[in-house]
PDB file of N, CA and C in Angstrom:
ATOM      1  N   MET A   1     -50.520  55.071  21.351  1.00  0.00           N
ATOM      2  CA  MET A   1     -50.494  54.042  22.277  1.00  0.00           C
ATOM      3  C   MET A   1     -50.098  53.299  22.590  1.00  0.00           C
ATOM      4  N   SER A   2     -49.856  52.876  23.557  1.00  0.00           N
ATOM      5  CA  SER A   2     -49.364  50.809  24.329  1.00  0.00           C
ATOM      6  C   SER A   2     -50.802  50.597  24.721  1.00  0.00           C
ATOM      7  N   GLU A   3     -51.352  49.318  24.293  1.00  0.00           N
ATOM      8  CA  GLU A   3     -52.219  48.790  25.258  1.00  0.00           C
ATOM      9  C   GLU A   3     -52.602  49.102  26.806  1.00  0.00           C
ATOM     10  N   PHE A   4     -50.954  49.114  27.132  1.00  0.00           N
ATOM     11  CA  PHE A   4     -51.362  49.636  28.791  1.00  0.00           C
ATOM     12  C   PHE A   4     -51.319  50.197  29.223  1.00  0.00           C
ATOM     13  N   ALA A   5     -51.066  51.593  28.293  1.00  0.00           N
ATOM     14  CA  ALA A   5     -51.416  52.706  28.713  1.00  0.00           C
ATOM     15  C   ALA A   5     -53.359  53.438  28.406  1.00  0.00           C
ATOM     16  N   ALA A   6     -53.327  52.319  27.220  1.00  0.00           N
ATOM     17  CA  ALA A   6     -54.968  52.926  26.862  1.00  0.00           C
ATOM     18  C   ALA A   6     -55.780  52.150  27.932  1.00  0.00           C
ATOM     19  N   ILE A   7     -55.903  50.714  28.790  1.00  0.00           N
ATOM     20  CA  ILE A   7     -56.473  50.409  29.712  1.00  0.00           C
ATOM     21  C   ILE A   7     -56.112  51.033  30.524  1.00  0.00           C
ATOM     22  N   GLU A   8     -55.239  51.647  31.004  1.00  0.00           N
ATOM     23  CA  GLU A   8     -55.201  53.119  32.101  1.00  0.00           C
ATOM     24  C   GLU A   8     -55.722  53.533  31.809  1.00  0.00           C
ATOM     25  N   THR A   9     -56.086  54.408  31.252  1.00  0.00           N
ATOM     26  CA  THR A   9     -56.837  55.788  30.264  1.00  0.00           C
ATOM     27  C   THR A   9     -58.303  55.637  31.020  1.00  0.00           C
ATOM     28  N   VAL A  10     -58.974  54.089  30.817  1.00  0.00           N
ATOM     29  CA  VAL A  10     -60.160  53.817  31.120  1.00  0.00           C
ATOM     30  C   VAL A  10     -60.596  53.481  32.361  1.00  0.00           C
ATOM     31  N   LEU A  11     -59.702  53.337  33.150  1.00  0.00           N
ATOM     32  CA  LEU A  11     -59.683  52.639  34.607  1.00  0.00           C
ATOM     33  C   LEU A  11     -59.622  54.171  35.231  1.00  0.00           C
ATOM     34  N   TRP A  12     -58.963  54.947  34.937  1.00  0.00           N
ATOM     35  CA  TRP A  12     -58.973  56.362  35.539  1.00  0.00           C
ATOM     36  C   TRP A  12     -60.338  57.008  35.071  1.00  0.00           C
ATOM     37  N   ASP A  13     -60.727  57.284  34.316  1.00  0.00           N
ATOM     38  CA  ASP A  13     -61.962  57.294  33.681  1.00  0.00           C
ATOM     39  C   ASP A  13     -62.784  56.620  34.422  1.00  0.00           C
ATOM     40  N   TYR A  14     -62.894  55.612  35.049  1.00  0.00           N
ATOM     41  CA  TYR A  14     -63.258  54.881  36.166  1.00  0.00           C
ATOM     42  C   TYR A  14     -63.201  55.059  37.045  1.00  0.00           C
ATOM     43  N   LEU A  15     -61.666  55.441  37.703  1.00  0.00           N
ATOM     44  CA  LEU A  15     -62.159  56.243  39.324  1.00  0.00           C
ATOM     45  C   LEU A  15     -62.383  57.178  39.361  1.00  0.00           C
ATOM     46  N   ASP A  16     -62.563  57.999  38.100  1.00  0.00           N
ATOM     47  CA  ASP A  16     -62.870  58.863  38.759  1.00  0.00           C
ATOM     48  C   ASP A  16     -64.044  59.251  38.363  1.00  0.00           C
ATOM     49  N   GLY A  17     -64.296  58.596  37.944  1.00  0.00           N
ATOM     50  CA  GLY A  17     -66.350  58.636  37.113  1.00  0.00           C
ATOM     51  C   GLY A  17     -66.765  58.395  38.116  1.00  0.00           C
ATOM     52  N   LEU A  18     -66.227  57.649  39.059  1.00  0.00           N
ATOM     53  CA  LEU A  18     -66.730  57.196  40.490  1.00  0.00           C
ATOM     54  C   LEU A  18     -66.672  57.997  41.360  1.00  0.00           C
ATOM     55  N   TYR A  19     -65.651  58.895  41.707  1.00  0.00           N
ATOM     56  CA  TYR A  19     -64.931  59.873  43.121  1.00  0.00           C
ATOM     57  C   TYR A  19     -65.680  61.397  42.568  1.00  0.00           C
ATOM     58  N   GLU A  20     -66.828  61.280  41.146  1.00  0.00           N
ATOM     59  CA  GLU A  20     -67.321  62.611  40.618  1.00  0.00           C
ATOM     60  C   GLU A  20     -68.825  61.967  40.654  1.00  0.00           C
ATOM     61  N   GLY A  21     -69.193  60.523  40.638  1.00  0.00           N
ATOM     62  CA  GLY A  21     -70.480  61.342  40.773  1.00  0.00           C
ATOM     63  C   GLY A  21     -70.894  60.933  39.294  1.00  0.00           C
ATOM     64  N   ASP A  22     -70.038  60.970  37.418  1.00  0.00           N
ATOM     65  CA  ASP A  22     -70.806  60.634  36.261  1.00  0.00           C
ATOM     66  C   ASP A  22     -70.966  59.714  36.385  1.00  0.00           C
ATOM     67  N   ALA A  23     -72.332  59.191  35.877  1.00  0.00           N
ATOM     68  CA  ALA A  23     -72.917  57.923  35.355  1.00  0.00           C
ATOM     69  C   ALA A  23     -72.665  58.456  34.133  1.00  0.00           C
ATOM     70  N   ASP A  24     -72.545  59.416  33.555  1.00  0.00           N
ATOM     71  CA  ASP A  24     -72.875  59.244  31.888  1.00  0.00           C
ATOM     72  C   ASP A  24     -71.141  58.975  31.391  1.00  0.00           C
ATOM     73  N   ARG A  25     -69.726  59.451  32.675  1.00  0.00           N
ATOM     74  CA  ARG A  25     -68.646  59.323  31.726  1.00  0.00           C
ATOM     75  C   ARG A  25     -68.673  57.650  31.893  1.00  0.00           C
ATOM     76  N   LEU A  26     -69.078  56.864  33.478  1.00  0.00           N
ATOM     77  CA  LEU A  26     -69.565  55.570  33.301  1.00  0.00           C
ATOM     78  C   LEU A  26     -69.597  54.567  32.385  1.00  0.00           C
ATOM     79  N   ALA A  27     -71.010  55.179  32.264  1.00  0.00           N
ATOM     80  CA  ALA A  27     -71.300  54.532  30.935  1.00  0.00           C
ATOM     81  C   ALA A  27     -70.338  53.991  29.542  1.00  0.00           C
ATOM     82  N   GLY A  28     -70.148  54.894  29.400  1.00  0.00           N
ATOM     83  CA  GLY A  28     -69.297  55.697  28.259  1.00  0.00           C
ATOM     84  C   GLY A  28     -67.966  54.280  28.630  1.00  0.00           C
ATOM     85  N   ILE A  29     -67.343  53.942  29.245  1.00  0.00           N
ATOM     86  CA  ILE A  29     -66.308  52.852  29.518  1.00  0.00           C
ATOM     87  C   ILE A  29     -66.802  51.135  29.762  1.00  0.00           C
ATOM     88  N   PHE A  30     -68.890  51.133  30.497  1.00  0.00           N
ATOM     89  CA  PHE A  30     -68.648  50.217  30.443  1.00  0.00           C
ATOM     90  C   PHE A  30     -69.357  49.040  28.787  1.00  0.00           C
ATOM     91  N   LEU A  31     -69.769  47.997  28.764  1.00  0.00           N
ATOM     92  CA  LEU A  31     -70.553  47.619  27.846  1.00  0.00           C
ATOM     93  C   LEU A  31     -71.514  47.506  28.103  1.00  0.00           C
ATOM     94  N   PRO A  32     -72.718  48.033  27.645  1.00  0.00           N
ATOM     95  CA  PRO A  32     -74.115  47.879  28.019  1.00  0.00           C
ATOM     96  C   PRO A  32     -74.679  46.258  28.617  1.00  0.00           C
ATOM     97  N   ASP A  33     -74.321  45.781  28.705  1.00  0.00           N
ATOM     98  CA  ASP A  33     -74.725  44.171  28.934  1.00  0.00           C
ATOM     99  C   ASP A  33     -73.906  43.798  30.460  1.00  0.00           C
ATOM    100  N   ALA A  34     -72.741  44.603  31.026  1.00  0.00           N
ATOM    101  CA  ALA A  34     -72.159  44.353  32.192  1.00  0.00           C
ATOM    102  C   ALA A  34     -72.260  44.268  33.223  1.00  0.00           C
ATOM    103  N   ASN A  35     -72.160  43.478  33.853  1.00  0.00           N
ATOM    104  CA  ASN A  35     -72.631  43.291  35.878  1.00  0.00           C
ATOM    105  C   ASN A  35     -71.241  43.666  36.084  1.00  0.00           C
ATOM    106  N   LEU A  36     -71.890  43.426  38.045  1.00  0.00           N
ATOM    107  CA  LEU A  36     -71.163  44.210  39.230  1.00  0.00           C
ATOM    108  C   LEU A  36     -71.570  42.835  39.835  1.00  0.00           C
ATOM    109  N   TYR A  37     -70.464  42.473  40.269  1.00  0.00           N
ATOM    110  CA  TYR A  37     -70.983  41.017  41.203  1.00  0.00           C
ATOM    111  C   TYR A  37     -70.209  40.903  42.676  1.00  0.00           C
ATOM    112  N   ALA A  38     -70.644  40.572  43.631  1.00  0.00           N
ATOM    113  CA  ALA A  38     -69.705  40.649  44.858  1.00  0.00           C
ATOM    114  C   ALA A  38     -70.730  39.542  45.834  1.00  0.00           C
ATOM    115  N   VAL A  39     -70.243  39.812  46.900  1.00  0.00           N
ATOM    116  CA  VAL A  39     -70.882  38.442  47.389  1.00  0.00           C
ATOM    117  C   VAL A  39     -71.378  39.299  49.359  1.00  0.00           C
ATOM    118  N   ASN A  40     -73.016  38.500  49.206  1.00  0.00           N
ATOM    119  CA  ASN A  40     -73.349  39.399  49.890  1.00  0.00           C
ATOM    120  C   ASN A  40     -73.210  39.131  51.721  1.00  0.00           C
ATOM    121  N   ASP A  41     -73.974  39.964  52.618  1.00  0.00           N
ATOM    122  CA  ASP A  41     -73.357  39.333  54.010  1.00  0.00           C
ATOM    123  C   ASP A  41     -73.306  37.494  54.685  1.00  0.00           C
ATOM    124  N   GLU A  42     -74.636  37.096  53.478  1.00  0.00           N
ATOM    125  CA  GLU A  42     -75.101  36.061  54.152  1.00  0.00           C
ATOM    126  C   GLU A  42     -74.096  34.579  53.126  1.00  0.00           C
ATOM    127  N   GLY A  43     -73.461  35.502  52.571  1.00  0.00           N
ATOM    128  CA  GLY A  43     -72.248  34.597  51.579  1.00  0.00           C
ATOM    129  C   GLY A  43     -72.349  34.034  50.704  1.00  0.00           C
ATOM    130  N   ALA A  44     -73.909  35.070  49.497  1.00  0.00           N
ATOM    131  CA  ALA A  44     -73.965  34.605  48.443  1.00  0.00           C
ATOM    132  C   ALA A  44     -73.307  35.152  47.064  1.00  0.00           C
ATOM    133  N   ALA A  45     -73.616  34.909  46.087  1.00  0.00           N
ATOM    134  CA  ALA A  45     -72.953  35.912  44.915  1.00  0.00           C
ATOM    135  C   ALA A  45     -74.399  36.836  44.588  1.00  0.00           C
ATOM    136  N   THR A  46     -74.221  38.099  44.230  1.00  0.00           N
ATOM    137  CA  THR A  46     -75.132  39.010  44.006  1.00  0.00           C
ATOM    138  C   THR A  46     -74.853  39.489  42.783  1.00  0.00           C
ATOM    139  N   VAL A  47     -75.416  39.744  41.656  1.00  0.00           N
ATOM    140  CA  VAL A  47     -75.564  40.036  40.473  1.00  0.00           C
ATOM    141  C   VAL A  47     -76.493  41.761  40.289  1.00  0.00           C
ATOM    142  N   LEU A  48     -75.508  42.843  40.389  1.00  0.00           N
ATOM    143  CA  LEU A  48     -76.460  43.678  39.601  1.00  0.00           C
ATOM    144  C   LEU A  48     -75.754  44.263  38.394  1.00  0.00           C
ATOM    145  N   PRO A  49     -76.806  44.665  37.312  1.00  0.00           N
ATOM    146  CA  PRO A  49     -76.906  45.024  35.887  1.00  0.00           C
ATOM    147  C   PRO A  49     -75.966  46.474  35.848  1.00  0.00           C
ATOM    148  N   ARG A  50     -75.151  46.579  35.013  1.00  0.00           N
ATOM    149  CA  ARG A  50     -74.973  48.496  34.615  1.00  0.00           C
ATOM    150  C   ARG A  50     -75.592  49.453  35.073  1.00  0.00           C
ATOM    151  N   ASP A  51     -76.762  49.206  34.095  1.00  0.00           N
ATOM    152  CA  ASP A  51     -77.992  50.602  33.923  1.00  0.00           C
ATOM    153  C   ASP A  51     -78.381  50.365  35.281  1.00  0.00           C
ATOM    154  N   THR A  52     -78.593  49.452  36.003  1.00  0.00           N
ATOM    155  CA  THR A  52     -79.037  49.272  38.076  1.00  0.00           C
ATOM    156  C   THR A  52     -78.476  50.402  38.166  1.00  0.00           C
ATOM    157  N   TRP A  53     -76.678  49.921  38.529  1.00  0.00           N
ATOM    158  CA  TRP A  53     -75.411  50.549  39.390  1.00  0.00           C
ATOM    159  C   TRP A  53     -75.350  52.468  38.773  1.00  0.00           C
ATOM    160  N   LEU A  54     -75.465  52.208  37.492  1.00  0.00           N
ATOM    161  CA  LEU A  54     -75.661  53.469  36.877  1.00  0.00           C
ATOM    162  C   LEU A  54     -76.702  54.501  37.665  1.00  0.00           C
ATOM    163  N   ASP A  55     -77.568  53.847  38.206  1.00  0.00           N
ATOM    164  CA  ASP A  55     -79.151  54.671  38.841  1.00  0.00           C
ATOM    165  C   ASP A  55     -78.604  55.246  40.308  1.00  0.00           C
ATOM    166  N   VAL A  56     -77.908  54.123  41.215  1.00  0.00           N
ATOM    167  CA  VAL A  56     -77.580  54.271  42.236  1.00  0.00           C
ATOM    168  C   VAL A  56     -76.244  55.848  42.166  1.00  0.00           C
ATOM    169  N   VAL A  57     -75.996  55.166  40.895  1.00  0.00           N
ATOM    170  CA  VAL A  57     -74.461  56.353  40.902  1.00  0.00           C
ATOM    171  C   VAL A  57     -75.525  57.609  41.202  1.00  0.00           C
ATOM    172  N   ARG A  58     -76.740  58.123  40.007  1.00  0.00           N
ATOM    173  CA  ARG A  58     -76.809  59.217  39.788  1.00  0.00           C
ATOM    174  C   ARG A  58     -77.631  59.451  40.693  1.00  0.00           C
ATOM    175  N   GLY A  59     -78.110  58.502  41.677  1.00  0.00           N
ATOM    176  CA  GLY A  59     -78.920  58.754  42.833  1.00  0.00           C
ATOM    177  C   GLY A  59     -78.371  59.355  44.117  1.00  0.00           C
ATOM    178  N   ARG A  60     -77.663  59.159  43.950  1.00  0.00           N
ATOM    179  CA  ARG A  60     -76.448  59.562  45.479  1.00  0.00           C
ATOM    180  C   ARG A  60     -75.732  60.610  44.883  1.00  0.00           C
ATOM    181  N   THR A  61     -74.868  61.382  46.110  1.00  0.00           N
ATOM    182  CA  THR A  61     -74.325  62.420  46.521  1.00  0.00           C
ATOM    183  C   THR A  61     -72.826  62.396  46.052  1.00  0.00           C
ATOM    184  N   SER A  62     -72.135  62.171  45.217  1.00  0.00           N
ATOM    185  CA  SER A  62     -70.347  62.075  45.265  1.00  0.00           C
ATOM    186  C   SER A  62     -69.599  62.016  46.269  1.00  0.00           C
ATOM    187  N   SER A  63     -68.582  61.541  46.385  1.00  0.00           N
ATOM    188  CA  SER A  63     -67.696  60.958  46.693  1.00  0.00           C
ATOM    189  C   SER A  63     -67.033  62.485  47.232  1.00  0.00           C
ATOM    190  N   LYS A  64     -66.537  63.300  45.947  1.00  0.00           N
ATOM    191  CA  LYS A  64     -65.818  64.588  46.158  1.00  0.00           C
ATOM    192  C   LYS A  64     -66.573  65.761  46.368  1.00  0.00           C
ATOM    193  N   ASP A  65     -68.373  65.319  46.169  1.00  0.00           N
ATOM    194  CA  ASP A  65     -69.058  66.699  46.749  1.00  0.00           C
ATOM    195  C   ASP A  65     -69.602  66.223  47.799  1.00  0.00           C
ATOM    196  N   SER A  66     -69.108  64.945  48.751  1.00  0.00           N
ATOM    197  CA  SER A  66     -68.671  65.249  50.230  1.00  0.00           C
ATOM    198  C   SER A  66     -68.034  66.031  51.075  1.00  0.00           C
ATOM    199  N   GLY A  67     -66.467  65.972  50.090  1.00  0.00           N
ATOM    200  CA  GLY A  67     -65.838  66.588  50.516  1.00  0.00           C
ATOM    201  C   GLY A  67     -64.514  65.969  50.729  1.00  0.00           C
ATOM    202  N   ASN A  68     -64.935  64.151  50.434  1.00  0.00           N
ATOM    203  CA  ASN A  68     -63.310  63.745  50.690  1.00  0.00           C
ATOM    204  C   ASN A  68     -62.464  63.505  49.738  1.00  0.00           C
ATOM    205  N   PRO A  69     -61.698  62.987  49.996  1.00  0.00           N
ATOM    206  CA  PRO A  69     -59.988  62.958  49.033  1.00  0.00           C
ATOM    207  C   PRO A  69     -60.448  62.366  48.468  1.00  0.00           C
ATOM    208  N   SER A  70     -60.068  62.006  47.455  1.00  0.00           N
ATOM    209  CA  SER A  70     -59.747  60.377  46.415  1.00  0.00           C
ATOM    210  C   SER A  70     -58.790  59.907  47.070  1.00  0.00           C
ATOM    211  N   THR A  71     -59.145  58.597  47.058  1.00  0.00           N
ATOM    212  CA  THR A  71     -57.982  57.916  47.196  1.00  0.00           C
ATOM    213  C   THR A  71     -57.808  57.134  46.901  1.00  0.00           C
ATOM    214  N   ASN A  72     -58.479  57.200  45.411  1.00  0.00           N
ATOM    215  CA  ASN A  72     -58.215  56.243  43.653  1.00  0.00           C
ATOM    216  C   ASN A  72     -56.608  55.647  43.917  1.00  0.00           C
ATOM    217  N   GLN A  73     -56.954  54.276  43.087  1.00  0.00           N
ATOM    218  CA  GLN A  73     -55.043  54.378  42.909  1.00  0.00           C
ATOM    219  C   GLN A  73     -54.846  52.897  41.291  1.00  0.00           C
ATOM    220  N   VAL A  74     -54.857  52.693  41.113  1.00  0.00           N
ATOM    221  CA  VAL A  74     -54.731  51.661  40.170  1.00  0.00           C
ATOM    222  C   VAL A  74     -53.462  50.530  40.578  1.00  0.00           C
ATOM    223  N   VAL A  75     -53.701  49.265  40.926  1.00  0.00           N
ATOM    224  CA  VAL A  75     -53.053  48.740  41.902  1.00  0.00           C
ATOM    225  C   VAL A  75     -52.098  47.781  40.876  1.00  0.00           C
ATOM    226  N   TRP A  76     -52.647  47.485  39.470  1.00  0.00           N
ATOM    227  CA  TRP A  76     -51.783  46.192  38.499  1.00  0.00           C
ATOM    228  C   TRP A  76     -52.665  46.198  37.724  1.00  0.00           C
ATOM    229  N   ILE A  77     -52.566  45.698  36.295  1.00  0.00           N
ATOM    230  CA  ILE A  77     -52.770  45.713  34.809  1.00  0.00           C
ATOM    231  C   ILE A  77     -52.296  44.290  34.802  1.00  0.00           C
ATOM    232  N   ASP A  78     -53.315  43.569  34.037  1.00  0.00           N
ATOM    233  CA  ASP A  78     -52.943  42.168  32.920  1.00  0.00           C
ATOM    234  C   ASP A  78     -53.368  42.108  31.381  1.00  0.00           C
ATOM    235  N   VAL A  79     -52.399  42.415  31.037  1.00  0.00           N
ATOM    236  CA  VAL A  79     -53.209  42.217  29.247  1.00  0.00           C
ATOM    237  C   VAL A  79     -52.563  41.103  28.384  1.00  0.00           C
ATOM    238  N   THR A  80     -53.843  39.994  27.874  1.00  0.00           N
ATOM    239  CA  THR A  80     -53.500  39.208  27.093  1.00  0.00           C
ATOM    240  C   THR A  80     -54.219  39.141  26.195  1.00  0.00           C
ATOM    241  N   GLY A  81     -53.752  39.955  25.016  1.00  0.00           N
ATOM    242  CA  GLY A  81     -54.366  39.963  23.484  1.00  0.00           C
ATOM    243  C   GLY A  81     -55.598  40.671  23.563  1.00  0.00           C
ATOM    244  N   THR A  82     -57.054  40.716  23.557  1.00  0.00           N
ATOM    245  CA  THR A  82     -57.273  41.244  23.273  1.00  0.00           C
ATOM    246  C   THR A  82     -58.342  41.069  24.901  1.00  0.00           C
ATOM    247  N   THR A  83     -57.823  41.087  25.770  1.00  0.00           N
ATOM    248  CA  THR A  83     -58.218  40.884  26.863  1.00  0.00           C
ATOM    249  C   THR A  83     -57.595  41.371  28.442  1.00  0.00           C
ATOM    250  N   ALA A  84     -58.282  41.847  29.427  1.00  0.00           N
ATOM    251  CA  ALA A  84     -57.506  42.582  30.220  1.00  0.00           C
ATOM    252  C   ALA A  84     -57.988  42.052  31.924  1.00  0.00           C
ATOM    253  N   VAL A  85     -57.328  42.145  32.882  1.00  0.00           N
ATOM    254  CA  VAL A  85     -57.913  42.262  33.928  1.00  0.00           C
ATOM    255  C   VAL A  85     -57.274  43.591  35.029  1.00  0.00           C
ATOM    256  N   ALA A  86     -57.796  44.040  35.254  1.00  0.00           N
ATOM    257  CA  ALA A  86     -57.245  44.672  36.362  1.00  0.00           C
ATOM    258  C   ALA A  86     -57.862  45.384  38.182  1.00  0.00           C
ATOM    259  N   ARG A  87     -57.050  45.608  38.641  1.00  0.00           N
ATOM    260  CA  ARG A  87     -57.694  45.936  40.419  1.00  0.00           C
ATOM    261  C   ARG A  87     -57.031  47.241  40.361  1.00  0.00           C
ATOM    262  N   VAL A  88     -58.067  47.744  41.278  1.00  0.00           N
ATOM    263  CA  VAL A  88     -58.818  48.891  41.663  1.00  0.00           C
ATOM    264  C   VAL A  88     -59.068  49.333  42.946  1.00  0.00           C
ATOM    265  N   LEU A  89     -57.970  50.491  43.716  1.00  0.00           N
ATOM    266  CA  LEU A  89     -58.702  50.709  45.023  1.00  0.00           C
ATOM    267  C   LEU A  89     -59.406  52.342  44.937  1.00  0.00           C
ATOM    268  N   CYS A  90     -60.357  52.749  45.557  1.00  0.00           N
ATOM    269  CA  CYS A  90     -61.182  53.396  45.640  1.00  0.00           C
ATOM    270  C   CYS A  90     -62.074  53.061  47.071  1.00  0.00           C
ATOM    271  N   SER A  91     -62.510  54.661  46.915  1.00  0.00           N
ATOM    272  CA  SER A  91     -63.292  54.753  48.560  1.00  0.00           C
ATOM    273  C   SER A  91     -64.194  55.495  48.142  1.00  0.00           C
ATOM    274  N   PHE A  92     -65.559  55.209  49.154  1.00  0.00           N
ATOM    275  CA  PHE A  92     -66.734  56.389  49.065  1.00  0.00           C
ATOM    276  C   PHE A  92     -67.643  56.330  51.144  1.00  0.00           C
ATOM    277  N   PRO A  93     -66.609  56.502  51.781  1.00  0.00           N
ATOM    278  CA  PRO A  93     -66.898  56.785  53.006  1.00  0.00           C
ATOM    279  C   PRO A  93     -68.426  56.833  53.431  1.00  0.00           C
ATOM    280  N   PRO A  94     -68.697  55.688  54.276  1.00  0.00           N
ATOM    281  CA  PRO A  94     -67.552  54.797  55.297  1.00  0.00           C
ATOM    282  C   PRO A  94     -67.224  53.463  54.972  1.00  0.00           C
ATOM    283  N   ASN A  95     -66.674  53.352  53.490  1.00  0.00           N
ATOM    284  CA  ASN A  95     -66.526  52.198  52.647  1.00  0.00           C
ATOM    285  C   ASN A  95     -65.907  52.413  51.914  1.00  0.00           C
ATOM    286  N   GLY A  96     -64.535  51.076  51.912  1.00  0.00           N
ATOM    287  CA  GLY A  96     -63.473  51.137  51.197  1.00  0.00           C
ATOM    288  C   GLY A  96     -63.134  50.189  49.933  1.00  0.00           C
ATOM    289  N   PHE A  97     -63.784  50.295  48.884  1.00  0.00           N
ATOM    290  CA  PHE A  97     -63.410  49.097  47.669  1.00  0.00           C
ATOM    291  C   PHE A  97     -62.511  48.713  46.867  1.00  0.00           C
ATOM    292  N   THR A  98     -62.351  47.196  46.587  1.00  0.00           N
ATOM    293  CA  THR A  98     -61.328  46.693  46.414  1.00  0.00           C
ATOM    294  C   THR A  98     -62.008  46.505  44.826  1.00  0.00           C
ATOM    295  N   ASP A  99     -61.984  46.456  43.871  1.00  0.00           N
ATOM    296  CA  ASP A  99     -62.481  46.303  42.187  1.00  0.00           C
ATOM    297  C   ASP A  99     -61.699  45.699  41.831  1.00  0.00           C
ATOM    298  N   THR A 100     -62.126  44.546  41.198  1.00  0.00           N
ATOM    299  CA  THR A 100     -61.543  44.076  39.754  1.00  0.00           C
ATOM    300  C   THR A 100     -62.332  44.210  38.706  1.00  0.00           C
ATOM    301  N   LEU A 101     -61.694  44.363  37.829  1.00  0.00           N
ATOM    302  CA  LEU A 101     -62.298  44.690  36.347  1.00  0.00           C
ATOM    303  C   LEU A 101     -61.743  43.558  35.336  1.00  0.00           C
ATOM    304  N   CYS A 102     -62.339  42.977  34.655  1.00  0.00           N
ATOM    305  CA  CYS A 102     -62.193  42.448  33.094  1.00  0.00           C
ATOM    306  C   CYS A 102     -62.645  43.650  32.199  1.00  0.00           C
ATOM    307  N   LEU A 103     -61.828  43.549  31.039  1.00  0.00           N
ATOM    308  CA  LEU A 103     -62.138  44.846  30.187  1.00  0.00           C
ATOM    309  C   LEU A 103     -61.944  43.722  28.383  1.00  0.00           C
ATOM    310  N   LEU A 104     -62.745  44.031  27.874  1.00  0.00           N
ATOM    311  CA  LEU A 104     -62.082  43.541  26.453  1.00  0.00           C
ATOM    312  C   LEU A 104     -62.243  44.686  24.855  1.00  0.00           C
ATOM    313  N   LYS A 105     -61.476  44.429  24.759  1.00  0.00           N
ATOM    314  CA  LYS A 105     -60.642  44.802  23.244  1.00  0.00           C
ATOM    315  C   LYS A 105     -61.571  45.195  22.326  1.00  0.00           C
ATOM    316  N   MET A 106     -62.347  46.413  22.067  1.00  0.00           N
ATOM    317  CA  MET A 106     -63.486  46.243  20.983  1.00  0.00           C
ATOM    318  C   MET A 106     -63.281  46.677  20.265  1.00  0.00           C
ATOM    319  N   ALA A 107     -64.111  47.175  18.866  1.00  0.00           N
ATOM    320  CA  ALA A 107     -63.352  47.719  18.312  1.00  0.00           C
ATOM    321  C   ALA A 107     -63.304  49.428  18.373  1.00  0.00           C
ATOM    322  N   GLU A 108     -63.828  49.982  19.091  1.00  0.00           N
ATOM    323  CA  GLU A 108     -63.534  51.327  19.681  1.00  0.00           C
ATOM    324  C   GLU A 108     -62.880  51.186  20.443  1.00  0.00           C
ATOM    325  N   GLY A 109     -62.450  50.579  21.410  1.00  0.00           N
ATOM    326  CA  GLY A 109     -61.594  50.313  22.564  1.00  0.00           C
ATOM    327  C   GLY A 109     -61.851  49.786  23.308  1.00  0.00           C
ATOM    328  N   TRP A 110     -60.971  49.999  24.683  1.00  0.00           N
ATOM    329  CA  TRP A 110     -61.167  49.798  26.123  1.00  0.00           C
ATOM    330  C   TRP A 110     -62.679  49.368  26.520  1.00  0.00           C
ATOM    331  N   LYS A 111     -62.904  48.427  26.613  1.00  0.00           N
ATOM    332  CA  LYS A 111     -64.418  48.544  27.769  1.00  0.00           C
ATOM    333  C   LYS A 111     -64.651  47.239  28.732  1.00  0.00           C
ATOM    334  N   ILE A 112     -65.110  47.656  29.912  1.00  0.00           N
ATOM    335  CA  ILE A 112     -65.067  46.864  30.863  1.00  0.00           C
ATOM    336  C   ILE A 112     -66.064  46.172  30.730  1.00  0.00           C
ATOM    337  N   ILE A 113     -65.956  45.117  30.970  1.00  0.00           N
ATOM    338  CA  ILE A 113     -67.600  43.372  30.260  1.00  0.00           C
ATOM    339  C   ILE A 113     -68.131  42.775  32.090  1.00  0.00           C
ATOM    340  N   ALA A 114     -66.951  43.353  32.799  1.00  0.00           N
ATOM    341  CA  ALA A 114     -67.326  42.497  34.439  1.00  0.00           C
ATOM    342  C   ALA A 114     -66.104  43.606  35.339  1.00  0.00           C
ATOM    343  N   LYS A 115     -67.017  43.529  36.534  1.00  0.00           N
ATOM    344  CA  LYS A 115     -66.502  44.459  37.959  1.00  0.00           C
ATOM    345  C   LYS A 115     -67.009  43.071  39.055  1.00  0.00           C
ATOM    346  N   THR A 116     -65.824  43.107  39.813  1.00  0.00           N
ATOM    347  CA  THR A 116     -66.127  42.183  41.232  1.00  0.00           C
ATOM    348  C   THR A 116     -65.592  43.650  42.213  1.00  0.00           C
ATOM    349  N   TYR A 117     -65.968  42.965  43.358  1.00  0.00           N
ATOM    350  CA  TYR A 117     -66.658  43.764  44.591  1.00  0.00           C
ATOM    351  C   TYR A 117     -65.767  44.094  45.250  1.00  0.00           C
ATOM    352  N   HIS A 118     -64.887  44.204  45.973  1.00  0.00           N
ATOM    353  CA  HIS A 118     -64.983  44.092  47.984  1.00  0.00           C
ATOM    354  C   HIS A 118     -65.216  44.861  48.810  1.00  0.00           C
ATOM    355  N   VAL A 119     -65.990  44.869  49.139  1.00  0.00           N
ATOM    356  CA  VAL A 119     -66.557  46.378  50.127  1.00  0.00           C
ATOM    357  C   VAL A 119     -65.769  46.271  51.734  1.00  0.00           C
ATOM    358  N   SER A 120     -65.299  46.873  52.263  1.00  0.00           N
ATOM    359  CA  SER A 120     -64.824  46.661  53.621  1.00  0.00           C
ATOM    360  C   SER A 120     -64.714  48.889  54.478  1.00  0.00           C
ATOM    361  N   PRO A 121     -64.899  48.408  56.150  1.00  0.00           N
ATOM    362  CA  PRO A 121     -65.000  50.159  56.076  1.00  0.00           C
ATOM    363  C   PRO A 121     -63.452  50.896  56.302  1.00  0.00           C
ATOM    364  N   VAL A 122     -63.790  51.945  56.233  1.00  0.00           N
ATOM    365  CA  VAL A 122     -62.304  53.317  56.127  1.00  0.00           C
ATOM    366  C   VAL A 122     -62.250  53.048  57.111  1.00  0.00           C
TER     367      VAL A 122
END
């Protein structure tokens, strides 16, 4: 499998895990010390540790269980050696998300180390 294809597999695990609300699946593709970053309404950076975010995923009804259609898509992937950056789109009505994911190629395969995201109404 090419590096591009291996990364694409991780990205679809991410997108499908979000859509289905499968926190265990998401935990398997994020490094334990990964963080999620965004800008809040006041214009300040926010940092959310992976495990805190996974608790949020566990505690909410998934988009799939809410009857929402999947709008997930991989927009682009850029690979350089053992690093990669990817842009994906997904929705969790009433919001849509543009996520930029940073990945590292570990001994066990590609893992997400950071996520930055932008939220907008759908």
